[in-house]
Amino acid sequence: MLELLKYTLPALVVFATAYFLIKAMLVKEEKKMKLDVFLNNQKAITPIRLQAYERLIILLERIHPESLVIRENKPDMTNQQLHQVLLTMIRGEFEHNLSQQLYVTPQAWMLIKAAKESLVQLVNSEALQLVPSDSSINLSKAIIEAHMQDKKSAHAEAIGFLKAEVQSLF
C-alpha cells in the first residue's frame, strides 16, 4: 500500500499541476483571441461609425432652418406650398439617414430625432400663423426669425453632442 502511494501521489500532483497550468493557459489564450476579435471589429467599425457621425452632422446642417428655407424657397411659391415642401424635405432627409442610428448612441439618436421634431413643430407653428395663399417669403422670414430667437436650439444641442461623442472616440 505504501509502495503504491509512493508512485500514485507524485503522479497525481504532477497531473493536478499540469491540469491547472493548461487550464490557465487556455483561459488566457481565449481572452487573447476575444481581444483580437474585438480589436479587429473596432478597426472595421470605427470608420463606419465616423461616417455615421459625419452623415448625421450633414443631416442636421441640411435641415437647419436657414439653409433649408434658402434652398427650398422659390419666388412664385405660396406659404402653403413652402410649408409642404419644407415638411417633405425634413422627413425625406431624416428617413434617408435612419440607418445611421445603428452606429451612434441611443442618446445621440434621440437628440437627432428631437431636433427634427423641433423643426417640424417650428415650421408648422409658423405656417399656422400666416395666410396660406400669401407669398412664401413671409413663411421664410417667420421661420428664420423664430429660429434665431430660440436660445437653446435642439439643433445646436444635437450637433454639439455629436461632436463631443466623436471626440470621446479618440
N, C-alpha and C. Protein backbone atom coordinates (compact mmCIF):
# COMPACT_ATOMS: atom_id res chain seq x y z
N MET A 1 0.83 -1.19 0.00
CA MET A 1 0.00 0.00 0.00
C MET A 1 0.87 1.25 0.00
N LEU A 2 1.86 1.28 0.87
CA LEU A 2 2.77 2.41 0.94
C LEU A 2 3.56 2.54 -0.36
N GLU A 3 3.89 1.40 -0.91
CA GLU A 3 4.62 1.38 -2.17
C GLU A 3 3.76 1.98 -3.30
N LEU A 4 2.46 1.69 -3.28
CA LEU A 4 1.54 2.22 -4.27
C LEU A 4 1.38 3.74 -4.14
N LEU A 5 1.33 4.21 -2.90
CA LEU A 5 1.22 5.65 -2.65
C LEU A 5 2.46 6.40 -3.12
N LYS A 6 3.64 5.78 -3.02
CA LYS A 6 4.88 6.43 -3.46
C LYS A 6 4.82 6.76 -4.94
N TYR A 7 4.13 5.97 -5.72
CA TYR A 7 4.07 6.19 -7.16
C TYR A 7 2.85 7.03 -7.58
N THR A 8 1.72 6.80 -6.93
CA THR A 8 0.50 7.49 -7.35
C THR A 8 0.41 8.93 -6.84
N LEU A 9 0.90 9.18 -5.63
CA LEU A 9 0.81 10.54 -5.07
C LEU A 9 1.61 11.54 -5.92
N PRO A 10 2.87 11.28 -6.27
CA PRO A 10 3.58 12.23 -7.14
C PRO A 10 2.92 12.34 -8.53
N ALA A 11 2.39 11.24 -9.02
CA ALA A 11 1.73 11.29 -10.33
C ALA A 11 0.48 12.17 -10.27
N LEU A 12 -0.26 12.06 -9.17
CA LEU A 12 -1.45 12.91 -9.01
C LEU A 12 -1.07 14.38 -8.88
N VAL A 13 0.01 14.69 -8.16
CA VAL A 13 0.47 16.07 -8.02
C VAL A 13 0.89 16.62 -9.38
N VAL A 14 1.63 15.84 -10.15
CA VAL A 14 2.06 16.27 -11.48
C VAL A 14 0.84 16.47 -12.38
N PHE A 15 -0.11 15.55 -12.31
CA PHE A 15 -1.32 15.65 -13.12
C PHE A 15 -2.11 16.91 -12.76
N ALA A 16 -2.31 17.14 -11.45
CA ALA A 16 -3.07 18.32 -10.99
C ALA A 16 -2.38 19.61 -11.41
N THR A 17 -1.05 19.66 -11.26
CA THR A 17 -0.29 20.84 -11.67
C THR A 17 -0.43 21.09 -13.17
N ALA A 18 -0.26 20.04 -13.95
CA ALA A 18 -0.38 20.16 -15.40
C ALA A 18 -1.79 20.58 -15.79
N TYR A 19 -2.79 20.01 -15.14
CA TYR A 19 -4.18 20.33 -15.44
C TYR A 19 -4.44 21.82 -15.21
N PHE A 20 -4.05 22.33 -14.04
CA PHE A 20 -4.33 23.74 -13.73
C PHE A 20 -3.49 24.69 -14.58
N LEU A 21 -2.29 24.32 -14.92
CA LEU A 21 -1.47 25.16 -15.79
C LEU A 21 -2.05 25.22 -17.21
N ILE A 22 -2.44 24.07 -17.71
CA ILE A 22 -3.02 24.03 -19.06
C ILE A 22 -4.35 24.77 -19.08
N LYS A 23 -5.16 24.61 -18.04
CA LYS A 23 -6.44 25.30 -17.96
C LYS A 23 -6.23 26.82 -17.93
N ALA A 24 -5.28 27.29 -17.13
CA ALA A 24 -4.97 28.72 -17.06
C ALA A 24 -4.47 29.23 -18.40
N MET A 25 -3.65 28.44 -19.07
CA MET A 25 -3.12 28.83 -20.37
C MET A 25 -4.25 28.93 -21.40
N LEU A 26 -5.19 27.98 -21.37
CA LEU A 26 -6.31 28.01 -22.30
C LEU A 26 -7.23 29.22 -22.04
N VAL A 27 -7.46 29.53 -20.78
CA VAL A 27 -8.29 30.70 -20.44
C VAL A 27 -7.61 31.97 -20.94
N LYS A 28 -6.29 32.05 -20.72
CA LYS A 28 -5.54 33.22 -21.18
C LYS A 28 -5.58 33.33 -22.70
N GLU A 29 -5.44 32.21 -23.38
CA GLU A 29 -5.48 32.19 -24.84
C GLU A 29 -6.86 32.60 -25.36
N GLU A 30 -7.91 32.15 -24.68
CA GLU A 30 -9.28 32.52 -25.08
C GLU A 30 -9.49 34.03 -24.92
N LYS A 31 -9.00 34.60 -23.83
CA LYS A 31 -9.10 36.04 -23.63
C LYS A 31 -8.34 36.80 -24.71
N LYS A 32 -7.18 36.28 -25.05
CA LYS A 32 -6.38 36.92 -26.09
C LYS A 32 -7.11 36.88 -27.44
N MET A 33 -7.73 35.75 -27.75
CA MET A 33 -8.47 35.62 -29.00
C MET A 33 -9.66 36.58 -29.02
N LYS A 34 -10.37 36.68 -27.89
CA LYS A 34 -11.50 37.60 -27.81
C LYS A 34 -11.04 39.04 -27.99
N LEU A 35 -9.91 39.39 -27.41
CA LEU A 35 -9.37 40.74 -27.56
C LEU A 35 -8.99 41.00 -29.02
N ASP A 36 -8.39 40.01 -29.68
CA ASP A 36 -8.04 40.16 -31.09
C ASP A 36 -9.29 40.38 -31.95
N VAL A 37 -10.33 39.61 -31.68
CA VAL A 37 -11.59 39.77 -32.43
C VAL A 37 -12.16 41.16 -32.18
N PHE A 38 -12.15 41.59 -30.92
CA PHE A 38 -12.67 42.91 -30.58
C PHE A 38 -11.88 44.01 -31.29
N LEU A 39 -10.56 43.90 -31.27
CA LEU A 39 -9.74 44.93 -31.93
C LEU A 39 -9.95 44.94 -33.44
N ASN A 40 -10.08 43.76 -34.04
CA ASN A 40 -10.36 43.70 -35.48
C ASN A 40 -11.72 44.30 -35.81
N ASN A 41 -12.70 44.04 -34.94
CA ASN A 41 -14.03 44.65 -35.13
C ASN A 41 -13.94 46.16 -35.01
N GLN A 42 -13.18 46.63 -34.05
CA GLN A 42 -13.03 48.08 -33.87
C GLN A 42 -12.40 48.72 -35.10
N LYS A 43 -11.43 48.04 -35.68
CA LYS A 43 -10.79 48.57 -36.89
C LYS A 43 -11.80 48.71 -38.03
N ALA A 44 -12.73 47.78 -38.10
CA ALA A 44 -13.73 47.82 -39.17
C ALA A 44 -14.87 48.78 -38.84
N ILE A 45 -15.27 48.83 -37.58
CA ILE A 45 -16.45 49.60 -37.20
C ILE A 45 -16.14 51.08 -37.00
N THR A 46 -14.96 51.42 -36.53
CA THR A 46 -14.66 52.83 -36.26
C THR A 46 -14.83 53.72 -37.49
N PRO A 47 -14.32 53.36 -38.66
CA PRO A 47 -14.56 54.22 -39.82
C PRO A 47 -16.05 54.33 -40.18
N ILE A 48 -16.78 53.25 -40.00
CA ILE A 48 -18.22 53.28 -40.29
C ILE A 48 -18.93 54.20 -39.29
N ARG A 49 -18.55 54.11 -38.03
CA ARG A 49 -19.16 54.99 -37.02
C ARG A 49 -18.84 56.45 -37.30
N LEU A 50 -17.60 56.73 -37.68
CA LEU A 50 -17.23 58.11 -38.00
C LEU A 50 -18.04 58.62 -39.19
N GLN A 51 -18.23 57.76 -40.17
CA GLN A 51 -19.03 58.14 -41.33
C GLN A 51 -20.49 58.41 -40.92
N ALA A 52 -20.99 57.64 -39.97
CA ALA A 52 -22.36 57.86 -39.49
C ALA A 52 -22.46 59.22 -38.80
N TYR A 53 -21.47 59.55 -37.98
CA TYR A 53 -21.49 60.86 -37.32
C TYR A 53 -21.42 61.98 -38.36
N GLU A 54 -20.60 61.80 -39.38
CA GLU A 54 -20.50 62.80 -40.45
C GLU A 54 -21.85 62.97 -41.15
N ARG A 55 -22.47 61.87 -41.47
CA ARG A 55 -23.76 61.93 -42.17
C ARG A 55 -24.83 62.58 -41.32
N LEU A 56 -24.79 62.34 -40.02
CA LEU A 56 -25.79 62.95 -39.14
C LEU A 56 -25.55 64.45 -38.98
N ILE A 57 -24.29 64.86 -38.96
CA ILE A 57 -23.99 66.29 -38.94
C ILE A 57 -24.49 66.94 -40.24
N ILE A 58 -24.25 66.27 -41.36
CA ILE A 58 -24.73 66.78 -42.64
C ILE A 58 -26.26 66.87 -42.64
N LEU A 59 -26.91 65.84 -42.10
CA LEU A 59 -28.37 65.86 -41.98
C LEU A 59 -28.82 67.11 -41.22
N LEU A 60 -28.21 67.33 -40.06
CA LEU A 60 -28.60 68.47 -39.24
C LEU A 60 -28.33 69.80 -39.95
N GLU A 61 -27.24 69.86 -40.68
CA GLU A 61 -26.94 71.09 -41.42
C GLU A 61 -27.91 71.27 -42.58
N ARG A 62 -28.29 70.20 -43.23
CA ARG A 62 -29.22 70.31 -44.37
C ARG A 62 -30.62 70.70 -43.90
N ILE A 63 -31.02 70.28 -42.70
CA ILE A 63 -32.35 70.66 -42.22
C ILE A 63 -32.29 71.86 -41.28
N HIS A 64 -31.15 72.52 -41.21
CA HIS A 64 -31.07 73.76 -40.43
C HIS A 64 -32.07 74.73 -41.05
N PRO A 65 -32.87 75.42 -40.25
CA PRO A 65 -33.93 76.27 -40.80
C PRO A 65 -33.46 77.26 -41.87
N GLU A 66 -32.34 77.91 -41.62
CA GLU A 66 -31.88 78.90 -42.60
C GLU A 66 -31.49 78.26 -43.93
N SER A 67 -30.70 77.22 -43.88
CA SER A 67 -30.26 76.59 -45.14
C SER A 67 -31.44 75.92 -45.85
N LEU A 68 -32.34 75.34 -45.08
CA LEU A 68 -33.50 74.67 -45.67
C LEU A 68 -34.41 75.67 -46.39
N VAL A 69 -34.68 76.78 -45.73
CA VAL A 69 -35.56 77.80 -46.32
C VAL A 69 -34.92 78.42 -47.56
N ILE A 70 -33.64 78.74 -47.46
CA ILE A 70 -32.95 79.34 -48.60
C ILE A 70 -32.90 78.39 -49.78
N ARG A 71 -32.66 77.12 -49.50
CA ARG A 71 -32.54 76.13 -50.57
C ARG A 71 -33.89 75.81 -51.22
N GLU A 72 -34.96 75.78 -50.45
CA GLU A 72 -36.24 75.29 -50.96
C GLU A 72 -37.22 76.37 -51.38
N ASN A 73 -37.03 77.59 -50.92
CA ASN A 73 -37.98 78.65 -51.25
C ASN A 73 -37.78 79.12 -52.69
N LYS A 74 -38.87 79.16 -53.44
CA LYS A 74 -38.87 79.66 -54.81
C LYS A 74 -39.74 80.92 -54.86
N PRO A 75 -39.41 81.87 -55.71
CA PRO A 75 -40.13 83.15 -55.72
C PRO A 75 -41.64 83.05 -55.95
N ASP A 76 -42.09 82.08 -56.70
CA ASP A 76 -43.52 82.02 -57.02
C ASP A 76 -44.32 81.10 -56.09
N MET A 77 -43.73 80.69 -54.98
CA MET A 77 -44.42 79.78 -54.06
C MET A 77 -45.30 80.54 -53.09
N THR A 78 -46.33 79.84 -52.59
CA THR A 78 -47.17 80.38 -51.52
C THR A 78 -46.68 79.82 -50.19
N ASN A 79 -47.20 80.38 -49.11
CA ASN A 79 -46.86 79.86 -47.78
C ASN A 79 -47.19 78.38 -47.67
N GLN A 80 -48.35 78.02 -48.16
CA GLN A 80 -48.79 76.63 -48.06
C GLN A 80 -47.87 75.69 -48.85
N GLN A 81 -47.49 76.11 -50.03
CA GLN A 81 -46.60 75.28 -50.85
C GLN A 81 -45.23 75.12 -50.17
N LEU A 82 -44.69 76.22 -49.68
CA LEU A 82 -43.39 76.15 -48.99
C LEU A 82 -43.49 75.27 -47.75
N HIS A 83 -44.58 75.42 -47.03
CA HIS A 83 -44.81 74.61 -45.83
C HIS A 83 -44.74 73.12 -46.17
N GLN A 84 -45.44 72.72 -47.21
CA GLN A 84 -45.44 71.31 -47.63
C GLN A 84 -44.06 70.85 -48.10
N VAL A 85 -43.40 71.69 -48.87
CA VAL A 85 -42.06 71.34 -49.37
C VAL A 85 -41.09 71.18 -48.20
N LEU A 86 -41.15 72.08 -47.23
CA LEU A 86 -40.23 72.01 -46.09
C LEU A 86 -40.46 70.73 -45.29
N LEU A 87 -41.71 70.41 -45.02
CA LEU A 87 -42.00 69.18 -44.26
C LEU A 87 -41.55 67.94 -45.03
N THR A 88 -41.77 67.95 -46.33
CA THR A 88 -41.35 66.81 -47.17
C THR A 88 -39.83 66.66 -47.14
N MET A 89 -39.12 67.77 -47.25
CA MET A 89 -37.66 67.73 -47.25
C MET A 89 -37.12 67.27 -45.90
N ILE A 90 -37.68 67.78 -44.82
CA ILE A 90 -37.22 67.39 -43.47
C ILE A 90 -37.41 65.89 -43.28
N ARG A 91 -38.59 65.41 -43.60
CA ARG A 91 -38.87 63.97 -43.42
C ARG A 91 -38.01 63.13 -44.36
N GLY A 92 -37.83 63.58 -45.58
CA GLY A 92 -37.01 62.84 -46.54
C GLY A 92 -35.56 62.74 -46.10
N GLU A 93 -35.00 63.86 -45.67
CA GLU A 93 -33.61 63.86 -45.18
C GLU A 93 -33.47 62.92 -43.99
N PHE A 94 -34.43 62.99 -43.08
CA PHE A 94 -34.37 62.15 -41.88
C PHE A 94 -34.48 60.68 -42.25
N GLU A 95 -35.44 60.34 -43.09
CA GLU A 95 -35.63 58.94 -43.48
C GLU A 95 -34.43 58.40 -44.25
N HIS A 96 -33.77 59.26 -45.00
CA HIS A 96 -32.59 58.84 -45.75
C HIS A 96 -31.45 58.44 -44.81
N ASN A 97 -31.46 58.95 -43.60
CA ASN A 97 -30.38 58.68 -42.64
C ASN A 97 -30.80 57.81 -41.47
N LEU A 98 -31.94 57.17 -41.56
CA LEU A 98 -32.43 56.32 -40.47
C LEU A 98 -31.44 55.23 -40.05
N SER A 99 -30.76 54.64 -40.99
CA SER A 99 -29.86 53.53 -40.68
C SER A 99 -28.66 53.96 -39.84
N GLN A 100 -28.38 55.24 -39.79
CA GLN A 100 -27.21 55.71 -39.03
C GLN A 100 -27.38 55.50 -37.53
N GLN A 101 -28.62 55.30 -37.09
CA GLN A 101 -28.85 55.09 -35.67
C GLN A 101 -28.15 53.83 -35.14
N LEU A 102 -27.80 52.91 -36.04
CA LEU A 102 -27.08 51.71 -35.62
C LEU A 102 -25.69 52.02 -35.07
N TYR A 103 -25.11 53.12 -35.50
CA TYR A 103 -23.71 53.40 -35.20
C TYR A 103 -23.49 54.49 -34.16
N VAL A 104 -24.57 55.10 -33.68
CA VAL A 104 -24.43 56.15 -32.67
C VAL A 104 -25.15 55.70 -31.40
N THR A 105 -24.88 56.40 -30.32
CA THR A 105 -25.50 56.04 -29.06
C THR A 105 -27.00 56.36 -29.10
N PRO A 106 -27.78 55.68 -28.28
CA PRO A 106 -29.22 55.99 -28.23
C PRO A 106 -29.49 57.45 -27.86
N GLN A 107 -28.68 57.99 -26.98
CA GLN A 107 -28.86 59.40 -26.60
C GLN A 107 -28.63 60.33 -27.79
N ALA A 108 -27.63 60.05 -28.59
CA ALA A 108 -27.36 60.86 -29.78
C ALA A 108 -28.53 60.76 -30.75
N TRP A 109 -29.04 59.57 -30.95
CA TRP A 109 -30.15 59.40 -31.88
C TRP A 109 -31.40 60.12 -31.37
N MET A 110 -31.63 60.09 -30.08
CA MET A 110 -32.78 60.79 -29.51
C MET A 110 -32.66 62.30 -29.74
N LEU A 111 -31.44 62.83 -29.63
CA LEU A 111 -31.24 64.26 -29.88
C LEU A 111 -31.46 64.60 -31.35
N ILE A 112 -31.07 63.70 -32.25
CA ILE A 112 -31.31 63.91 -33.68
C ILE A 112 -32.82 63.96 -33.93
N LYS A 113 -33.53 63.00 -33.37
CA LYS A 113 -34.99 62.97 -33.55
C LYS A 113 -35.63 64.21 -32.94
N ALA A 114 -35.15 64.63 -31.78
CA ALA A 114 -35.70 65.83 -31.13
C ALA A 114 -35.46 67.07 -31.99
N ALA A 115 -34.30 67.16 -32.61
CA ALA A 115 -34.01 68.30 -33.48
C ALA A 115 -34.95 68.31 -34.68
N LYS A 116 -35.18 67.14 -35.25
CA LYS A 116 -36.10 67.05 -36.39
C LYS A 116 -37.51 67.44 -35.98
N GLU A 117 -37.98 66.88 -34.87
CA GLU A 117 -39.33 67.17 -34.39
C GLU A 117 -39.48 68.64 -34.02
N SER A 118 -38.46 69.21 -33.43
CA SER A 118 -38.48 70.62 -33.07
C SER A 118 -38.63 71.49 -34.32
N LEU A 119 -37.93 71.13 -35.37
CA LEU A 119 -38.00 71.87 -36.62
C LEU A 119 -39.38 71.71 -37.26
N VAL A 120 -39.92 70.51 -37.24
CA VAL A 120 -41.26 70.28 -37.79
C VAL A 120 -42.28 71.14 -37.03
N GLN A 121 -42.16 71.16 -35.72
CA GLN A 121 -43.08 71.99 -34.91
C GLN A 121 -42.91 73.47 -35.23
N LEU A 122 -41.68 73.91 -35.39
CA LEU A 122 -41.42 75.31 -35.73
C LEU A 122 -42.06 75.66 -37.07
N VAL A 123 -41.84 74.84 -38.07
CA VAL A 123 -42.40 75.09 -39.40
C VAL A 123 -43.93 75.10 -39.33
N ASN A 124 -44.51 74.12 -38.64
CA ASN A 124 -45.96 74.05 -38.53
C ASN A 124 -46.54 75.25 -37.78
N SER A 125 -45.93 75.61 -36.67
CA SER A 125 -46.47 76.73 -35.89
C SER A 125 -46.38 78.05 -36.63
N GLU A 126 -45.29 78.25 -37.34
CA GLU A 126 -45.17 79.50 -38.12
C GLU A 126 -46.12 79.50 -39.30
N ALA A 127 -46.34 78.36 -39.92
CA ALA A 127 -47.25 78.28 -41.07
C ALA A 127 -48.69 78.54 -40.65
N LEU A 128 -49.05 78.08 -39.45
CA LEU A 128 -50.41 78.29 -38.97
C LEU A 128 -50.74 79.75 -38.71
N GLN A 129 -49.73 80.56 -38.48
CA GLN A 129 -49.95 81.96 -38.15
C GLN A 129 -50.06 82.84 -39.40
N LEU A 130 -49.85 82.27 -40.57
CA LEU A 130 -49.85 83.05 -41.80
C LEU A 130 -50.98 82.63 -42.73
N VAL A 131 -51.31 83.50 -43.65
CA VAL A 131 -52.32 83.20 -44.66
C VAL A 131 -51.69 82.25 -45.67
N PRO A 132 -52.30 81.08 -45.90
CA PRO A 132 -51.70 80.07 -46.78
C PRO A 132 -51.42 80.56 -48.20
N SER A 133 -52.23 81.46 -48.72
CA SER A 133 -52.06 81.88 -50.11
C SER A 133 -51.09 83.04 -50.29
N ASP A 134 -50.58 83.61 -49.21
CA ASP A 134 -49.60 84.70 -49.32
C ASP A 134 -48.27 84.19 -49.84
N SER A 135 -47.39 85.11 -50.18
CA SER A 135 -46.07 84.76 -50.70
C SER A 135 -45.26 83.99 -49.66
N SER A 136 -44.50 83.04 -50.13
CA SER A 136 -43.72 82.18 -49.23
C SER A 136 -42.60 82.93 -48.51
N ILE A 137 -42.29 84.13 -48.95
CA ILE A 137 -41.26 84.91 -48.28
C ILE A 137 -41.66 85.20 -46.83
N ASN A 138 -42.95 85.33 -46.59
CA ASN A 138 -43.44 85.57 -45.22
C ASN A 138 -43.13 84.39 -44.31
N LEU A 139 -43.38 83.19 -44.80
CA LEU A 139 -43.09 82.00 -44.01
C LEU A 139 -41.58 81.84 -43.82
N SER A 140 -40.83 82.14 -44.85
CA SER A 140 -39.37 82.06 -44.75
C SER A 140 -38.85 82.96 -43.65
N LYS A 141 -39.29 84.21 -43.67
CA LYS A 141 -38.87 85.17 -42.64
C LYS A 141 -39.29 84.72 -41.26
N ALA A 142 -40.53 84.28 -41.13
CA ALA A 142 -41.05 83.86 -39.83
C ALA A 142 -40.26 82.69 -39.26
N ILE A 143 -39.92 81.71 -40.09
CA ILE A 143 -39.16 80.54 -39.63
C ILE A 143 -37.76 80.95 -39.19
N ILE A 144 -37.10 81.74 -39.99
CA ILE A 144 -35.73 82.16 -39.65
C ILE A 144 -35.73 83.01 -38.39
N GLU A 145 -36.67 83.95 -38.26
CA GLU A 145 -36.73 84.79 -37.07
C GLU A 145 -37.03 83.96 -35.82
N ALA A 146 -37.97 83.05 -35.93
CA ALA A 146 -38.31 82.20 -34.77
C ALA A 146 -37.13 81.34 -34.36
N HIS A 147 -36.41 80.84 -35.35
CA HIS A 147 -35.23 80.01 -35.02
C HIS A 147 -34.14 80.85 -34.36
N MET A 148 -33.95 82.06 -34.84
CA MET A 148 -32.92 82.93 -34.26
C MET A 148 -33.25 83.32 -32.83
N GLN A 149 -34.53 83.39 -32.49
CA GLN A 149 -34.94 83.74 -31.13
C GLN A 149 -34.80 82.56 -30.17
N ASP A 150 -34.70 81.37 -30.70
CA ASP A 150 -34.57 80.16 -29.87
C ASP A 150 -33.14 80.09 -29.33
N LYS A 151 -32.97 80.43 -28.08
CA LYS A 151 -31.63 80.47 -27.47
C LYS A 151 -31.04 79.07 -27.29
N LYS A 152 -31.88 78.11 -26.96
CA LYS A 152 -31.41 76.73 -26.72
C LYS A 152 -31.98 75.82 -27.80
N SER A 153 -31.42 75.93 -28.98
CA SER A 153 -31.90 75.19 -30.13
C SER A 153 -31.60 73.69 -29.99
N ALA A 154 -32.60 72.87 -30.28
CA ALA A 154 -32.39 71.41 -30.27
C ALA A 154 -31.39 71.03 -31.35
N HIS A 155 -31.37 71.82 -32.37
CA HIS A 155 -30.45 71.64 -33.48
C HIS A 155 -28.99 71.78 -33.02
N ALA A 156 -28.71 72.89 -32.36
CA ALA A 156 -27.35 73.16 -31.87
C ALA A 156 -26.95 72.15 -30.80
N GLU A 157 -27.90 71.77 -29.97
CA GLU A 157 -27.62 70.78 -28.92
C GLU A 157 -27.23 69.44 -29.53
N ALA A 158 -27.94 69.02 -30.57
CA ALA A 158 -27.64 67.74 -31.22
C ALA A 158 -26.26 67.78 -31.89
N ILE A 159 -25.96 68.86 -32.57
CA ILE A 159 -24.65 68.98 -33.22
C ILE A 159 -23.54 68.97 -32.18
N GLY A 160 -23.71 69.72 -31.10
CA GLY A 160 -22.71 69.74 -30.03
C GLY A 160 -22.50 68.37 -29.42
N PHE A 161 -23.59 67.64 -29.22
CA PHE A 161 -23.49 66.30 -28.63
C PHE A 161 -22.76 65.35 -29.57
N LEU A 162 -23.08 65.40 -30.86
CA LEU A 162 -22.41 64.53 -31.83
C LEU A 162 -20.91 64.82 -31.88
N LYS A 163 -20.55 66.09 -31.87
CA LYS A 163 -19.13 66.45 -31.89
C LYS A 163 -18.43 65.94 -30.63
N ALA A 164 -19.07 66.07 -29.49
CA ALA A 164 -18.48 65.58 -28.24
C ALA A 164 -18.30 64.07 -28.25
N GLU A 165 -19.28 63.37 -28.80
CA GLU A 165 -19.17 61.91 -28.88
C GLU A 165 -18.02 61.49 -29.79
N VAL A 166 -17.86 62.16 -30.90
CA VAL A 166 -16.75 61.83 -31.80
C VAL A 166 -15.42 62.08 -31.10
N GLN A 167 -15.34 63.17 -30.36
CA GLN A 167 -14.10 63.46 -29.63
C GLN A 167 -13.80 62.37 -28.59
N SER A 168 -14.85 61.81 -28.01
CA SER A 168 -14.63 60.77 -26.99
C SER A 168 -14.16 59.45 -27.60
N LEU A 169 -14.31 59.29 -28.91
CA LEU A 169 -13.85 58.06 -29.57
C LEU A 169 -12.34 58.00 -29.64
N PHE A 170 -11.69 59.15 -29.51
CA PHE A 170 -10.23 59.19 -29.67
C PHE A 170 -9.54 59.58 -28.40
